[in-house]
N, C-alpha and C. Protein backbone atom coordinates (compact mmCIF):
# COMPACT_ATOMS: atom_id res chain seq x y z
N MET A 1 124.57 90.23 62.83
CA MET A 1 123.84 91.40 63.30
C MET A 1 122.35 91.12 63.18
N LYS A 2 121.90 90.69 62.09
CA LYS A 2 120.52 90.32 61.93
C LYS A 2 120.04 89.24 62.91
N GLN A 3 120.89 88.37 63.09
CA GLN A 3 120.49 87.21 64.07
C GLN A 3 120.46 87.84 65.50
N THR A 4 121.31 88.66 65.91
CA THR A 4 121.29 89.30 67.18
C THR A 4 120.05 90.08 67.41
N LEU A 5 119.64 90.90 66.37
CA LEU A 5 118.36 91.62 66.52
C LEU A 5 117.23 90.85 66.54
N LEU A 6 117.22 89.72 65.73
CA LEU A 6 116.07 88.88 65.65
C LEU A 6 115.89 88.11 67.07
N ALA A 7 117.06 87.75 67.62
CA ALA A 7 117.02 87.11 68.97
C ALA A 7 116.49 88.16 70.06
N LEU A 8 116.94 89.40 69.99
CA LEU A 8 116.36 90.44 70.85
C LEU A 8 114.95 90.59 70.75
N PHE A 9 114.47 90.79 69.47
CA PHE A 9 113.14 90.87 69.11
C PHE A 9 112.16 89.79 69.63
N THR A 10 112.73 88.55 69.39
CA THR A 10 112.00 87.35 69.96
C THR A 10 111.91 87.39 71.45
N LEU A 11 112.93 87.74 71.96
CA LEU A 11 113.01 87.78 73.51
C LEU A 11 112.00 88.69 74.05
N THR A 12 111.97 89.96 73.51
CA THR A 12 111.04 90.93 73.93
C THR A 12 109.63 90.59 73.56
N CYS A 13 109.36 89.87 72.60
CA CYS A 13 107.93 89.48 72.16
C CYS A 13 107.47 88.44 73.34
N PHE A 14 108.32 87.55 73.70
CA PHE A 14 107.90 86.52 74.60
C PHE A 14 107.86 87.01 76.09
N THR A 15 108.78 87.87 76.42
CA THR A 15 109.01 88.28 77.86
C THR A 15 108.19 89.58 78.08
N GLY A 16 107.93 90.42 77.12
CA GLY A 16 107.51 91.71 77.24
C GLY A 16 108.57 92.72 77.55
N CYS A 17 108.26 93.88 77.93
CA CYS A 17 109.28 94.97 78.19
C CYS A 17 110.00 94.83 79.58
N THR A 18 109.38 94.19 80.52
CA THR A 18 109.90 94.11 81.83
C THR A 18 110.80 92.77 81.89
N PRO A 19 111.87 92.92 82.75
CA PRO A 19 112.71 91.76 82.80
C PRO A 19 112.02 90.67 83.66
N LEU A 20 112.45 89.41 83.39
CA LEU A 20 111.88 88.29 84.16
C LEU A 20 112.27 88.37 85.59
N LEU A 21 111.25 88.32 86.49
CA LEU A 21 111.47 88.22 87.86
C LEU A 21 110.83 87.05 88.59
N LYS A 22 111.43 86.46 89.39
CA LYS A 22 110.81 85.42 90.14
C LYS A 22 109.97 85.95 91.31
N ALA A 23 109.07 85.32 91.77
CA ALA A 23 108.22 85.82 92.89
C ALA A 23 109.11 85.95 94.13
N THR A 24 109.96 85.07 94.32
CA THR A 24 110.79 85.05 95.50
C THR A 24 112.03 85.90 95.38
N ALA A 25 112.27 86.61 94.32
CA ALA A 25 113.45 87.33 94.10
C ALA A 25 113.72 88.37 95.13
N TYR A 26 112.71 88.94 95.77
CA TYR A 26 112.86 89.93 96.72
C TYR A 26 112.40 89.48 98.09
N GLU A 27 112.13 88.23 98.37
CA GLU A 27 111.59 87.83 99.61
C GLU A 27 112.68 88.00 100.67
N HIS A 28 113.80 87.39 100.44
CA HIS A 28 114.81 87.64 101.46
C HIS A 28 116.13 87.94 100.83
N PRO A 29 116.28 89.13 100.34
CA PRO A 29 117.55 89.49 99.66
C PRO A 29 118.72 89.66 100.71
N THR A 30 119.98 89.67 100.02
CA THR A 30 121.06 89.76 100.93
C THR A 30 121.12 91.14 101.49
N GLY A 31 121.57 91.34 102.76
CA GLY A 31 121.69 92.61 103.33
C GLY A 31 120.34 93.14 103.91
N TYR A 32 119.39 92.28 104.02
CA TYR A 32 118.03 92.63 104.56
C TYR A 32 118.16 92.96 106.00
N GLU A 33 117.58 93.92 106.43
CA GLU A 33 117.55 94.37 107.84
C GLU A 33 116.08 94.57 108.25
N GLU A 34 115.66 93.80 109.31
CA GLU A 34 114.36 94.09 109.83
C GLU A 34 114.26 95.42 110.59
N ILE A 35 113.18 96.19 110.42
CA ILE A 35 113.03 97.46 111.12
C ILE A 35 111.76 97.37 111.97
N ASN A 36 110.66 97.08 111.32
CA ASN A 36 109.24 97.01 112.02
C ASN A 36 109.04 98.22 112.91
N ALA A 37 108.93 99.34 112.23
CA ALA A 37 108.77 100.64 112.90
C ALA A 37 107.85 101.53 112.08
N THR A 38 107.33 102.46 112.69
CA THR A 38 106.44 103.44 111.99
C THR A 38 107.29 104.68 111.48
N TYR A 39 107.20 104.99 110.23
CA TYR A 39 107.95 106.05 109.63
C TYR A 39 107.02 107.10 109.01
N THR A 40 107.46 108.24 108.51
CA THR A 40 106.55 109.21 107.98
C THR A 40 107.02 109.51 106.59
N ALA A 41 106.06 109.96 105.68
CA ALA A 41 106.33 110.25 104.31
C ALA A 41 107.08 111.64 104.32
N GLY A 42 108.03 111.80 103.35
CA GLY A 42 108.77 113.01 103.17
C GLY A 42 108.11 114.16 102.57
N ARG A 43 108.96 114.99 101.99
CA ARG A 43 108.35 116.33 101.54
C ARG A 43 107.43 116.17 100.24
N LYS A 44 107.83 115.14 99.45
CA LYS A 44 107.10 114.88 98.20
C LYS A 44 106.17 113.75 98.29
N GLY A 45 106.05 113.08 99.47
CA GLY A 45 105.19 111.86 99.56
C GLY A 45 106.03 110.72 99.11
N VAL A 46 105.41 109.55 99.06
CA VAL A 46 106.13 108.32 98.70
C VAL A 46 105.35 107.60 97.62
N VAL A 47 106.07 107.09 96.76
CA VAL A 47 105.58 106.34 95.65
C VAL A 47 105.97 104.80 95.96
N LEU A 48 105.11 103.94 96.16
CA LEU A 48 105.20 102.57 96.46
C LEU A 48 105.38 101.76 95.09
N ARG A 49 106.22 100.92 95.10
CA ARG A 49 106.41 100.07 93.86
C ARG A 49 106.32 98.61 94.21
N LYS A 50 105.87 97.84 93.21
CA LYS A 50 105.77 96.38 93.44
C LYS A 50 107.22 95.63 93.46
N TYR A 51 108.05 96.20 92.57
CA TYR A 51 109.47 95.64 92.66
C TYR A 51 110.41 96.92 92.68
N PRO A 52 111.53 96.82 93.39
CA PRO A 52 112.31 98.00 93.40
C PRO A 52 113.20 98.04 92.06
N LYS A 53 113.60 99.15 91.82
CA LYS A 53 114.43 99.52 90.56
C LYS A 53 113.65 99.30 89.23
N ILE A 54 112.36 99.06 89.26
CA ILE A 54 111.56 98.94 88.04
C ILE A 54 110.63 100.11 87.94
N PHE A 55 110.66 100.85 86.97
CA PHE A 55 109.90 102.17 86.94
C PHE A 55 108.48 101.96 86.54
N ASN A 56 108.16 101.02 85.90
CA ASN A 56 106.86 100.86 85.34
C ASN A 56 105.69 100.52 86.31
N PRO A 57 105.82 99.50 87.10
CA PRO A 57 104.65 99.13 88.04
C PRO A 57 104.63 100.08 89.31
N ILE A 58 104.14 101.22 89.18
CA ILE A 58 104.02 102.10 90.37
C ILE A 58 102.61 101.98 90.81
N PHE A 59 102.31 101.60 92.09
CA PHE A 59 101.03 101.30 92.54
C PHE A 59 100.33 102.40 93.49
N LYS A 60 100.95 102.91 94.59
CA LYS A 60 100.26 103.70 95.35
C LYS A 60 101.14 105.03 95.73
N ASN A 61 100.38 106.05 95.91
CA ASN A 61 101.01 107.25 96.41
C ASN A 61 100.62 107.56 97.74
N ILE A 62 101.67 107.85 98.65
CA ILE A 62 101.27 108.21 100.02
C ILE A 62 101.62 109.72 100.20
N ARG A 63 100.65 110.46 100.82
CA ARG A 63 100.88 111.84 100.78
C ARG A 63 101.81 112.31 101.89
N VAL A 64 102.23 113.52 101.84
CA VAL A 64 103.17 114.06 102.78
C VAL A 64 102.62 114.03 104.08
N GLY A 65 103.52 113.54 105.13
CA GLY A 65 103.02 113.56 106.57
C GLY A 65 102.35 112.25 106.93
N ASP A 66 101.95 111.41 106.00
CA ASP A 66 101.19 110.15 106.32
C ASP A 66 102.17 109.19 106.99
N THR A 67 101.65 108.39 107.90
CA THR A 67 102.54 107.47 108.51
C THR A 67 102.57 106.13 107.74
N ILE A 68 103.70 105.41 107.75
CA ILE A 68 103.97 104.26 107.03
C ILE A 68 104.59 103.22 107.86
N PHE A 69 104.16 101.90 107.74
CA PHE A 69 104.80 100.84 108.59
C PHE A 69 105.92 100.16 107.74
N VAL A 70 107.21 100.46 108.12
CA VAL A 70 108.29 99.91 107.47
C VAL A 70 108.74 98.63 108.01
N HIS A 71 108.65 97.62 107.15
CA HIS A 71 108.95 96.22 107.60
C HIS A 71 110.43 95.96 107.67
N GLY A 72 111.13 96.45 106.75
CA GLY A 72 112.59 96.29 106.64
C GLY A 72 113.29 97.15 105.76
N GLN A 73 114.60 96.91 105.63
CA GLN A 73 115.41 97.78 104.68
C GLN A 73 116.22 96.73 103.87
N ILE A 74 116.17 96.92 102.50
CA ILE A 74 117.05 95.94 101.60
C ILE A 74 118.44 96.57 101.64
N ASN A 75 118.69 97.79 101.32
CA ASN A 75 119.97 98.30 101.23
C ASN A 75 119.73 99.82 101.62
N HIS A 76 120.73 100.54 101.15
CA HIS A 76 120.64 102.10 101.48
C HIS A 76 119.76 102.78 100.41
N GLU A 77 119.08 102.20 99.64
CA GLU A 77 118.21 102.81 98.64
C GLU A 77 116.68 102.36 98.76
N TRP A 78 116.32 101.17 99.36
CA TRP A 78 114.98 100.75 99.28
C TRP A 78 114.47 100.21 100.70
N TYR A 79 113.38 100.63 101.15
CA TYR A 79 112.62 100.16 102.25
C TYR A 79 111.60 99.06 101.77
N VAL A 80 111.29 98.14 102.66
CA VAL A 80 110.20 97.19 102.48
C VAL A 80 108.98 97.71 103.22
N VAL A 81 107.94 98.08 102.64
CA VAL A 81 106.76 98.72 103.28
C VAL A 81 105.52 97.78 103.21
N ARG A 82 104.81 97.76 104.25
CA ARG A 82 103.56 96.98 104.25
C ARG A 82 102.38 97.96 104.24
N ASN A 83 101.52 97.77 103.23
CA ASN A 83 100.40 98.70 103.10
C ASN A 83 99.17 97.88 102.80
N LYS A 84 98.27 97.81 103.74
CA LYS A 84 96.96 97.03 103.62
C LYS A 84 97.32 95.53 103.43
N GLY A 85 98.35 95.12 104.10
CA GLY A 85 98.55 93.68 104.08
C GLY A 85 99.46 93.17 102.86
N LYS A 86 99.77 94.09 101.96
CA LYS A 86 100.63 93.86 100.79
C LYS A 86 102.02 94.42 100.92
N LYS A 87 102.97 93.83 100.35
CA LYS A 87 104.30 94.28 100.42
C LYS A 87 104.73 95.10 99.18
N TYR A 88 105.23 96.36 99.48
CA TYR A 88 105.67 97.25 98.47
C TYR A 88 107.15 97.64 98.78
N TYR A 89 107.74 98.41 97.86
CA TYR A 89 109.09 98.89 98.09
C TYR A 89 109.04 100.43 97.92
N ALA A 90 109.77 101.14 98.76
CA ALA A 90 109.72 102.60 98.70
C ALA A 90 111.21 103.07 98.77
N PRO A 91 111.48 104.21 98.02
CA PRO A 91 112.73 104.72 98.03
C PRO A 91 113.22 105.26 99.38
N TYR A 92 114.52 105.16 99.72
CA TYR A 92 114.92 105.51 100.99
C TYR A 92 114.88 106.99 101.26
N ARG A 93 115.05 107.85 100.13
CA ARG A 93 115.04 109.32 100.23
C ARG A 93 113.64 109.93 100.56
N ASP A 94 112.63 109.09 100.40
CA ASP A 94 111.26 109.58 100.64
C ASP A 94 110.66 109.29 102.07
N ILE A 95 111.33 108.52 102.79
CA ILE A 95 110.69 108.13 104.14
C ILE A 95 111.78 108.62 105.23
N TYR A 96 111.14 109.05 106.29
CA TYR A 96 111.87 109.59 107.45
C TYR A 96 111.39 108.79 108.68
N PRO A 97 112.31 108.64 109.74
CA PRO A 97 111.93 108.06 111.01
C PRO A 97 110.97 108.86 111.68
N PHE A 98 110.01 108.28 112.38
CA PHE A 98 108.97 109.00 112.99
C PHE A 98 108.85 108.35 114.42
N SER A 99 108.77 109.29 115.48
CA SER A 99 108.54 108.74 116.82
C SER A 99 107.63 109.65 117.54
N ILE A 100 107.09 109.10 118.61
CA ILE A 100 106.12 109.87 119.38
C ILE A 100 106.72 111.12 120.11
N LEU A 101 108.04 110.94 120.38
CA LEU A 101 108.73 112.12 121.01
C LEU A 101 108.89 113.28 120.17
N ASP A 102 108.93 113.06 118.87
CA ASP A 102 109.05 114.14 117.92
C ASP A 102 107.71 115.06 117.83
N VAL A 103 106.61 114.44 118.18
CA VAL A 103 105.39 115.20 118.00
C VAL A 103 104.69 115.47 119.39
N ALA A 104 105.32 115.11 120.40
CA ALA A 104 104.81 115.29 121.72
C ALA A 104 104.57 116.80 121.99
N VAL A 105 103.41 117.08 122.53
CA VAL A 105 102.97 118.52 122.73
C VAL A 105 103.50 118.89 124.09
N ARG A 106 104.29 119.93 124.15
CA ARG A 106 104.88 120.41 125.42
C ARG A 106 103.76 121.30 126.09
N PRO A 107 103.69 121.18 127.39
CA PRO A 107 102.68 122.01 128.06
C PRO A 107 102.97 123.45 128.08
N ALA A 108 101.93 124.25 127.86
CA ALA A 108 102.16 125.66 127.88
C ALA A 108 102.46 126.19 129.30
N PRO A 109 103.46 127.05 129.46
CA PRO A 109 103.79 127.53 130.76
C PRO A 109 102.60 128.45 131.35
N ASP A 110 102.43 128.23 132.68
CA ASP A 110 101.35 128.92 133.34
C ASP A 110 101.86 130.43 133.67
N SER A 111 101.07 131.26 133.14
CA SER A 111 101.52 132.71 133.21
C SER A 111 101.44 133.22 134.70
N SER A 112 100.62 132.58 135.54
CA SER A 112 100.49 133.05 136.90
C SER A 112 101.79 132.64 137.75
N LEU A 113 102.47 131.73 137.29
CA LEU A 113 103.71 131.27 138.00
C LEU A 113 105.04 132.01 137.46
N GLN A 114 104.86 132.67 136.46
CA GLN A 114 106.05 133.32 135.77
C GLN A 114 106.40 134.61 136.53
N GLN A 115 107.63 134.90 136.71
CA GLN A 115 108.13 136.11 137.37
C GLN A 115 108.51 137.08 136.20
N PHE A 116 107.78 138.25 136.23
CA PHE A 116 108.15 139.22 135.23
C PHE A 116 109.05 140.23 135.93
N PRO A 117 110.00 140.79 135.18
CA PRO A 117 110.88 141.85 135.67
C PRO A 117 110.10 143.07 135.95
N PRO A 118 110.30 143.87 137.01
CA PRO A 118 109.65 145.11 137.11
C PRO A 118 110.04 146.05 135.91
N ILE A 119 108.97 146.79 135.43
CA ILE A 119 109.19 147.72 134.40
C ILE A 119 109.25 149.17 135.06
N PRO A 120 110.33 149.91 134.75
CA PRO A 120 110.54 151.14 135.38
C PRO A 120 109.64 152.18 134.75
N LEU A 121 109.06 153.09 135.57
CA LEU A 121 108.15 154.07 135.01
C LEU A 121 108.79 155.37 134.81
N LEU A 122 108.56 156.17 133.80
CA LEU A 122 109.35 157.24 133.43
C LEU A 122 108.88 158.41 134.26
N ALA A 123 107.67 158.26 134.79
CA ALA A 123 107.06 159.51 135.67
C ALA A 123 107.73 159.66 136.90
N GLU A 124 108.40 158.65 137.47
CA GLU A 124 108.99 158.74 138.83
C GLU A 124 110.24 159.50 138.84
């Protein structure tokens, strides 16, 4: 028991609290799907992380409604996001697809061309 605790203590002293990650660990993970599209931030905004599934290194907050360039999707939980030339990871639940058709302005109908039904007068 003491040897196990000593080994764990030594491991945490040398490696720190975060697990060991290689720089190429998330370069081309299995199940990666390229998207290369513009998405938008959800109701609570988006928190970008340097590595997925690690809570400590949170870097950027993107406000609600801001547009985000999504480079790809790792799985059903994480998107790969490019922000100012750097790669970050964002949770799937915080990002929604965005298209120009969703925000296209419809022209207002011209009131001179509309046909209004006749209004009956009570005095007649």
